[in-house]
Protein backbone atom coordinates (compact mmCIF):
# COMPACT_ATOMS: atom_id res chain seq x y z
CA MET A 1 3.50 -28.01 -16.45
CA ALA A 2 3.12 -31.59 -15.52
CA ARG A 3 0.90 -33.56 -16.71
CA GLU A 4 -1.61 -35.57 -14.99
CA ILE A 5 -3.32 -38.91 -15.13
CA GLN A 6 -4.95 -40.40 -12.68
CA TRP A 7 -4.51 -44.35 -13.03
CA HIS A 8 -7.61 -46.49 -13.56
CA ASN A 9 -6.63 -49.03 -16.33
CA ASP A 10 -5.11 -49.82 -19.88
CA ASP A 11 -5.89 -46.27 -20.76
CA SER A 12 -3.77 -44.76 -18.03
CA LEU A 13 -0.91 -46.49 -18.84
CA ASN A 14 -1.69 -45.64 -23.28
CA LEU A 15 -1.86 -42.25 -22.05
CA LEU A 16 1.25 -42.11 -20.12
CA SER A 17 3.36 -44.24 -22.83
CA GLU A 18 2.29 -41.14 -24.88
CA ALA A 19 3.66 -38.35 -22.32
CA LEU A 20 6.73 -40.38 -21.93
CA ASP A 21 7.19 -40.67 -25.52
CA SER A 22 6.88 -36.73 -25.88
CA GLY A 23 9.44 -35.99 -22.90
CA ASP A 24 6.38 -34.47 -21.10
CA GLU A 25 6.97 -34.51 -17.20
CA VAL A 26 4.20 -36.45 -15.62
CA VAL A 27 2.28 -36.84 -12.33
CA VAL A 28 0.69 -40.41 -12.13
CA TRP A 29 -1.84 -40.32 -9.26
CA PHE A 30 -3.30 -43.41 -7.67
CA GLU A 31 -6.13 -43.92 -5.29
CA GLY A 32 -7.55 -46.80 -3.74
CA GLU A 33 -5.62 -50.65 -3.87
CA PRO A 34 -3.28 -48.77 -5.98
CA VAL A 35 -1.62 -46.21 -3.06
CA GLU A 36 -1.04 -49.26 -1.02
CA ASP A 37 0.96 -50.92 -3.74
CA LEU A 38 2.25 -47.84 -4.22
CA VAL A 39 3.44 -47.88 -0.25
CA ALA A 40 5.20 -51.33 -0.39
CA MET A 41 6.67 -50.78 -3.19
CA ALA A 42 8.32 -47.33 -2.09
CA ARG A 43 8.96 -49.18 0.97
CA HIS A 44 11.75 -51.46 -1.10
CA LEU A 45 13.94 -49.04 -3.03
CA ASP A 46 16.68 -47.00 -2.54
CA PRO A 47 17.08 -43.86 -3.00
CA LEU A 48 18.90 -42.34 -5.98
CA ASN A 49 22.61 -42.26 -4.73
CA GLU A 50 24.67 -42.47 -7.65
CA LYS A 51 24.27 -38.57 -8.12
CA PRO A 52 24.94 -37.00 -4.77
CA GLU A 53 23.78 -33.89 -5.20
CA LEU A 54 20.36 -35.16 -6.11
CA LYS A 55 20.41 -37.50 -3.16
CA ARG A 56 16.69 -37.02 -1.33
CA PRO A 57 14.44 -38.77 0.22
CA GLY A 58 11.45 -40.19 -2.81
CA LEU A 59 13.67 -39.63 -6.04
CA TYR A 60 15.00 -42.58 -7.31
CA PRO A 61 16.59 -43.48 -11.26
CA VAL A 62 13.38 -44.83 -13.23
CA GLN A 63 14.56 -48.74 -12.99
CA ALA A 64 11.91 -48.40 -9.84
CA VAL A 65 8.89 -49.10 -12.45
CA LEU A 66 10.87 -52.65 -12.73
CA GLY A 67 9.66 -52.66 -8.74
CA ALA A 68 6.24 -52.31 -9.89
CA GLY A 69 5.75 -55.49 -11.35
CA ARG A 70 5.87 -57.14 -8.49
CA HIS A 71 2.68 -55.27 -7.33
CA ASP A 72 -1.13 -56.18 -8.95
CA ASN A 73 -2.20 -53.07 -8.93
CA LEU A 74 1.08 -51.86 -10.46
CA ARG A 75 2.29 -54.35 -12.45
CA PRO A 76 1.56 -52.78 -16.19
CA LEU A 77 3.83 -49.66 -15.02
CA ALA A 78 6.76 -51.80 -15.30
CA GLN A 79 6.37 -52.02 -18.99
CA LEU A 80 7.35 -48.34 -19.27
CA HIS A 81 10.41 -48.74 -17.63
CA ASP A 82 12.66 -49.53 -21.31
CA LYS A 83 10.77 -45.94 -22.18
CA ALA A 84 11.45 -44.02 -19.55
CA ASP A 85 14.98 -44.98 -19.53
CA GLY A 86 15.85 -44.11 -23.10
CA ASN A 87 14.08 -40.86 -22.41
CA GLY A 88 16.47 -40.08 -19.64
CA TYR A 89 13.12 -39.97 -16.64
CA LEU A 90 13.63 -40.02 -13.13
CA VAL A 91 11.29 -41.39 -10.87
CA ASP A 92 9.55 -39.06 -7.63
CA LEU A 93 7.26 -41.43 -5.53
CA ASP A 94 5.05 -39.95 -2.75
CA PRO A 95 3.16 -42.70 -1.83
CA ASP A 96 1.50 -40.25 1.11
CA ALA A 97 0.10 -38.24 -1.40
CA GLY A 98 -0.57 -41.32 -3.47
CA SER A 99 1.91 -40.25 -6.91
CA MET A 100 4.33 -41.04 -8.78
CA ARG A 101 6.04 -37.97 -10.69
CA PHE A 102 8.14 -39.07 -14.03
CA TYR A 103 10.63 -35.66 -15.03
CA LYS A 104 14.10 -35.49 -16.57
CA GLU A 105 17.12 -34.93 -14.89
CA VAL A 106 18.08 -30.55 -15.14
């Protein structure tokens, strides 16, 4: 079962960092302006195409979180790129639901 984190402040970033260290699947939920930034971020990304069997809308390599650095409300997420990448995470963006899911490839 995935851990769920509501994105608010630095505490949210710390919780996400701890979950990524633990290797947990995590769903981060956004509300308000951060959702608008999530939509804008997703608009500029290409779905994961390095592995054709995984290609589907919304699935990205963890490098996608680097795009968060361009959006004020999501900027802190970019700090977690190295940790998420080193732990083998993929990112599943669902801007319509206002969520970003970190999980490991099966």
